[in-house]
Protein backbone atom coordinates (compact mmCIF):
# COMPACT_ATOMS: atom_id res chain seq x y z
CA UNK A 1 -12.58 -23.05 164.72
CA UNK A 2 -11.58 -19.44 164.61
CA UNK A 3 -12.48 -17.32 167.88
CA UNK A 4 -12.41 -13.65 168.67
CA UNK A 5 -10.72 -11.49 167.71
CA UNK A 6 -9.55 -13.93 165.16
CA UNK A 7 -13.30 -14.60 163.73
CA UNK A 8 -13.71 -10.79 163.39
CA UNK A 9 -10.30 -10.31 161.17
CA UNK A 10 -11.44 -13.28 159.29
CA UNK A 11 -14.56 -12.00 158.58
CA UNK A 12 -13.70 -8.35 157.16
CA UNK A 13 -11.14 -9.92 154.91
CA UNK A 14 -13.49 -11.97 153.60
CA UNK A 15 -15.89 -8.98 153.19
CA UNK A 16 -13.51 -6.43 151.56
CA UNK A 17 -12.43 -9.24 149.42
CA UNK A 18 -15.76 -9.83 147.93
CA UNK A 19 -16.94 -6.28 148.12
CA UNK A 20 -13.97 -5.26 146.07
CA UNK A 21 -13.32 -8.26 143.88
CA UNK A 22 -16.48 -9.03 143.09
CA UNK A 23 -17.31 -12.59 141.69
CA UNK A 24 -13.23 -13.12 141.03
CA UNK A 25 -12.57 -12.58 144.67
CA UNK A 26 -15.33 -15.30 145.58
CA UNK A 27 -13.66 -17.42 143.15
CA UNK A 28 -10.18 -16.77 144.64
CA UNK A 29 -11.55 -17.16 148.22
CA UNK A 30 -12.97 -20.59 147.35
CA UNK A 31 -9.65 -21.40 145.71
CA UNK A 32 -8.05 -20.71 148.73
CA UNK A 33 -10.18 -21.91 150.94
CA UNK A 34 -10.12 -25.27 149.05
CA UNK A 35 -6.48 -25.60 148.92
CA UNK A 36 -6.39 -25.27 153.04
CA UNK A 37 -3.81 -23.03 153.67
CA UNK A 38 -4.60 -20.84 155.33
CA UNK A 39 -7.35 -21.87 156.53
CA UNK A 40 -10.50 -19.94 155.60
CA UNK A 41 -14.07 -20.80 156.51
CA UNK A 42 -16.13 -21.59 153.27
CA UNK A 43 -19.51 -20.62 155.77
CA UNK A 44 -18.63 -16.90 155.73
CA UNK A 45 -17.77 -16.71 152.08
CA UNK A 46 -20.92 -18.76 150.65
CA UNK A 47 -22.84 -16.89 153.63
CA UNK A 48 -21.95 -13.35 152.72
CA UNK A 49 -21.91 -14.19 148.98
CA UNK A 50 -25.53 -15.18 149.63
CA UNK A 51 -26.31 -11.94 151.22
CA UNK A 52 -24.82 -10.47 148.02
CA UNK A 53 -27.12 -12.01 145.93
CA UNK A 54 -29.94 -10.94 147.75
CA UNK A 55 -28.71 -6.92 147.33
CA UNK A 56 -28.05 -7.32 143.18
CA UNK A 57 -24.44 -7.31 143.60
CA UNK A 58 -24.43 -11.17 142.54
CA UNK A 59 -26.47 -13.01 139.99
CA UNK A 60 -27.38 -16.59 141.26
CA UNK A 61 -25.46 -18.50 138.11
CA UNK A 62 -22.73 -16.31 138.82
CA UNK A 63 -21.92 -16.60 142.07
CA UNK A 64 -22.58 -20.36 142.15
CA UNK A 65 -19.79 -21.08 139.29
CA UNK A 66 -17.41 -18.52 140.60
CA UNK A 67 -17.85 -20.30 143.92
CA UNK A 68 -17.65 -23.89 142.15
CA UNK A 69 -14.80 -22.95 140.04
CA UNK A 70 -12.59 -21.50 142.66
CA UNK A 71 -13.59 -24.66 145.09
CA UNK A 72 -12.22 -26.75 141.98
CA UNK A 73 -9.51 -25.30 141.22
CA UNK A 74 -8.50 -25.15 144.72
CA UNK A 75 -8.75 -28.47 145.39
CA UNK A 76 -6.98 -29.73 142.40
CA UNK A 77 -3.53 -27.78 143.50
CA UNK A 78 -4.07 -29.61 147.07
CA UNK A 79 -4.93 -32.91 144.73
CA UNK A 80 -1.08 -32.07 142.38
CA UNK A 81 0.72 -31.40 145.97
CA UNK A 82 0.00 -34.44 147.21
CA UNK A 83 0.66 -36.51 144.15
CA UNK A 84 4.09 -34.62 143.49
CA UNK A 85 5.26 -34.99 147.27
CA UNK A 86 4.58 -38.72 146.97
CA UNK A 87 7.43 -38.83 144.61
CA UNK A 88 9.28 -36.42 146.59
CA UNK A 89 9.12 -38.68 149.25
CA UNK A 90 8.96 -41.97 148.29
CA UNK A 91 11.42 -42.06 145.09
CA UNK A 92 11.87 -44.98 142.94
CA UNK A 93 14.73 -46.70 143.14
CA UNK A 94 16.06 -45.07 146.37
CA UNK A 95 15.23 -44.85 150.18
CA UNK A 96 12.04 -43.14 151.09
CA UNK A 97 12.65 -39.61 152.55
CA UNK A 98 10.31 -40.38 155.51
CA UNK A 99 10.30 -43.64 157.72
CA UNK A 100 7.03 -44.88 156.61
CA UNK A 101 5.75 -48.13 155.57
CA UNK A 102 5.13 -49.00 152.54
CA UNK A 103 2.50 -51.05 153.60
CA UNK A 104 0.27 -47.86 154.47
CA UNK A 105 0.75 -46.31 151.38
CA UNK A 106 -0.64 -49.18 149.69
CA UNK A 107 -3.51 -49.71 152.09
CA UNK A 108 -4.25 -46.08 151.16
CA UNK A 109 -3.73 -46.45 147.55
CA UNK A 110 -6.36 -49.50 147.69
CA UNK A 111 -8.76 -47.40 149.77
CA UNK A 112 -8.77 -44.83 147.45
CA UNK A 113 -8.98 -47.22 144.62
CA UNK A 114 -12.16 -48.59 145.77
CA UNK A 115 -13.51 -45.94 147.93
CA UNK A 116 -12.15 -42.82 146.15
CA UNK A 117 -15.24 -41.32 144.52
CA UNK A 118 -17.25 -41.61 147.72
CA UNK A 119 -14.68 -40.11 150.01
CA UNK A 120 -13.81 -37.21 148.01
CA UNK A 121 -17.46 -36.39 147.38
CA UNK A 122 -18.73 -37.01 150.91
CA UNK A 123 -15.66 -35.27 152.59
CA UNK A 124 -16.87 -31.71 150.49
CA UNK A 125 -19.95 -32.04 153.08
CA UNK A 126 -17.69 -31.49 155.92
CA UNK A 127 -15.98 -28.32 157.14
CA UNK A 128 -12.47 -28.66 157.63
CA UNK A 129 -11.70 -32.28 156.10
CA UNK A 130 -13.26 -30.93 152.95
CA UNK A 131 -10.52 -28.53 152.20
CA UNK A 132 -7.69 -31.57 152.93
CA UNK A 133 -8.90 -34.88 151.33
CA UNK A 134 -7.20 -33.47 148.10
CA UNK A 135 -3.94 -34.09 149.78
CA UNK A 136 -4.27 -37.91 150.05
CA UNK A 137 -6.44 -38.30 146.67
CA UNK A 138 -3.45 -36.97 144.76
CA UNK A 139 -0.67 -38.97 146.79
CA UNK A 140 -3.06 -42.00 146.27
CA UNK A 141 -2.78 -40.94 142.39
CA UNK A 142 -6.44 -40.91 142.08
CA UNK A 143 -7.79 -40.59 138.63
CA UNK A 144 -7.46 -36.50 137.96
CA UNK A 145 -10.59 -37.29 135.92
CA UNK A 146 -12.39 -38.71 138.73
CA UNK A 147 -11.15 -36.55 141.41
CA UNK A 148 -12.41 -32.99 139.36
CA UNK A 149 -16.19 -34.79 138.85
CA UNK A 150 -16.78 -36.02 142.33
CA UNK A 151 -15.26 -33.03 143.71
CA UNK A 152 -17.46 -30.88 141.75
CA UNK A 153 -20.31 -33.39 142.64
CA UNK A 154 -20.00 -33.04 146.25
CA UNK A 155 -19.10 -29.29 146.52
CA UNK A 156 -22.51 -28.72 144.68
CA UNK A 157 -25.07 -28.96 146.87
CA UNK A 158 -22.67 -27.53 150.33
CA UNK A 159 -22.37 -24.26 148.18
CA UNK A 160 -25.81 -24.04 147.07
CA UNK A 161 -26.78 -24.90 150.83
CA UNK A 162 -25.09 -21.96 152.27
CA UNK A 163 -25.65 -19.15 149.13
CA UNK A 164 -29.04 -20.04 149.65
CA UNK A 165 -28.63 -19.58 153.30
CA UNK A 166 -27.25 -16.20 152.85
CA UNK A 167 -29.61 -15.30 150.39
CA UNK A 168 -32.56 -15.74 152.91
CA UNK A 169 -30.90 -14.75 156.07
CA UNK A 170 -30.07 -11.20 154.32
CA UNK A 171 -28.54 -9.02 156.20
CA UNK A 172 -28.79 -10.97 159.26
CA UNK A 173 -26.08 -13.71 157.65
CA UNK A 174 -23.73 -13.14 160.42
CA UNK A 175 -25.68 -14.42 163.05
CA UNK A 176 -25.62 -17.86 162.08
CA UNK A 177 -21.64 -18.02 161.71
CA UNK A 178 -20.99 -18.68 165.60
CA UNK A 179 -22.98 -21.70 165.29
CA UNK A 180 -20.93 -23.25 162.06
CA UNK A 181 -17.74 -22.45 164.25
CA UNK A 182 -19.33 -25.73 166.04
CA UNK A 183 -19.32 -27.65 163.24
CA UNK A 184 -15.62 -26.54 162.34
CA UNK A 185 -14.75 -27.62 165.91
CA UNK A 186 -15.97 -30.99 166.07
CA UNK A 187 -14.33 -31.29 162.12
CA UNK A 188 -11.22 -30.56 163.86
CA UNK A 189 -11.69 -33.02 166.67
CA UNK A 190 -12.33 -35.94 163.88
CA UNK A 191 -9.26 -34.66 162.06
CA UNK A 192 -6.98 -34.69 165.36
CA UNK A 193 -8.22 -38.13 166.52
CA UNK A 194 -7.58 -38.85 162.43
CA UNK A 195 -3.94 -37.95 162.88
CA UNK A 196 -3.37 -39.38 166.24
CA UNK A 197 -4.60 -42.80 164.60
CA UNK A 198 -2.19 -42.43 161.59
CA UNK A 199 0.60 -41.71 163.76
CA UNK A 200 0.00 -44.50 166.31
CA UNK A 201 -0.31 -46.80 162.99
CA UNK A 202 3.07 -45.60 161.82
CA UNK A 203 4.67 -46.51 164.68
CA UNK A 204 3.50 -49.70 165.08
CA UNK A 205 1.51 -49.14 168.20
CA UNK A 206 -1.93 -50.00 166.43
CA UNK A 207 -2.93 -52.25 163.61
CA UNK A 208 -4.52 -50.41 160.34
CA UNK A 209 -7.91 -51.17 159.54
CA UNK A 210 -11.46 -51.14 161.70
CA UNK A 211 -11.55 -52.11 164.82
CA UNK A 212 -7.88 -51.13 165.00
CA UNK A 213 -6.16 -53.54 167.69
CA UNK A 214 -3.42 -52.30 170.37
CA UNK A 215 0.19 -54.24 168.85
CA UNK A 216 2.33 -52.88 171.62
CA UNK A 217 2.24 -50.58 174.56
CA UNK A 218 3.60 -47.02 173.77
CA UNK A 219 7.29 -46.81 174.82
CA UNK A 220 7.92 -50.67 174.11
CA UNK A 221 10.23 -51.68 171.69
CA UNK A 222 8.49 -52.64 168.31
CA UNK A 223 8.32 -56.24 167.26
CA UNK A 224 10.97 -57.97 166.09
CA UNK A 225 9.84 -59.45 162.53
CA UNK A 226 11.28 -63.10 162.02
CA UNK A 227 13.14 -64.19 158.59
CA UNK A 228 10.94 -64.52 155.94
CA UNK A 229 10.72 -67.79 154.21
């Protein structure tokens, strides 16, 4: 996701914030990372925090709790943005501000009603995607309590593994950052594919669901629905 010289700048900023801000800086960085704007690699944050545990600058409980609290807090910000954006984009009793078929919203609502807990928990394990799942969860009005619980459950192993990796690697923590960037790139490709799929469904080119089916060719007029009984 990040390439030189951007990666060097991002790593330098993260190191400076953690060295100057301590555990509060760690919580703040994880909050920004979980909110997703701007995108910050959690791998760099947590690996360097693990290195600081190894040096004695951070304690294990302090680093873990600060990272988890910041991550959950930033996720809640994204959740409420998504929840409020739905009310603004689709005001009750008025025309929607975006040309989106209400059926797609209903499908998203049903998905999060049935699979929201697993979707949120699993997404916290996937780079890039973990930072943006909060928005559709909020837009689908998933229970705030369930959202917070499963966000914490999914973020816990992710946080512990990377903290431990930085702790074990010590001063060599930065040597594995390029490998994590490959995972970021792969996740970005998946996210881009999902976005293209949503656009094609929105434009009535593909049917929603799996496997998606072609409704019409791109550039042809949308199908005209007959009168409903």
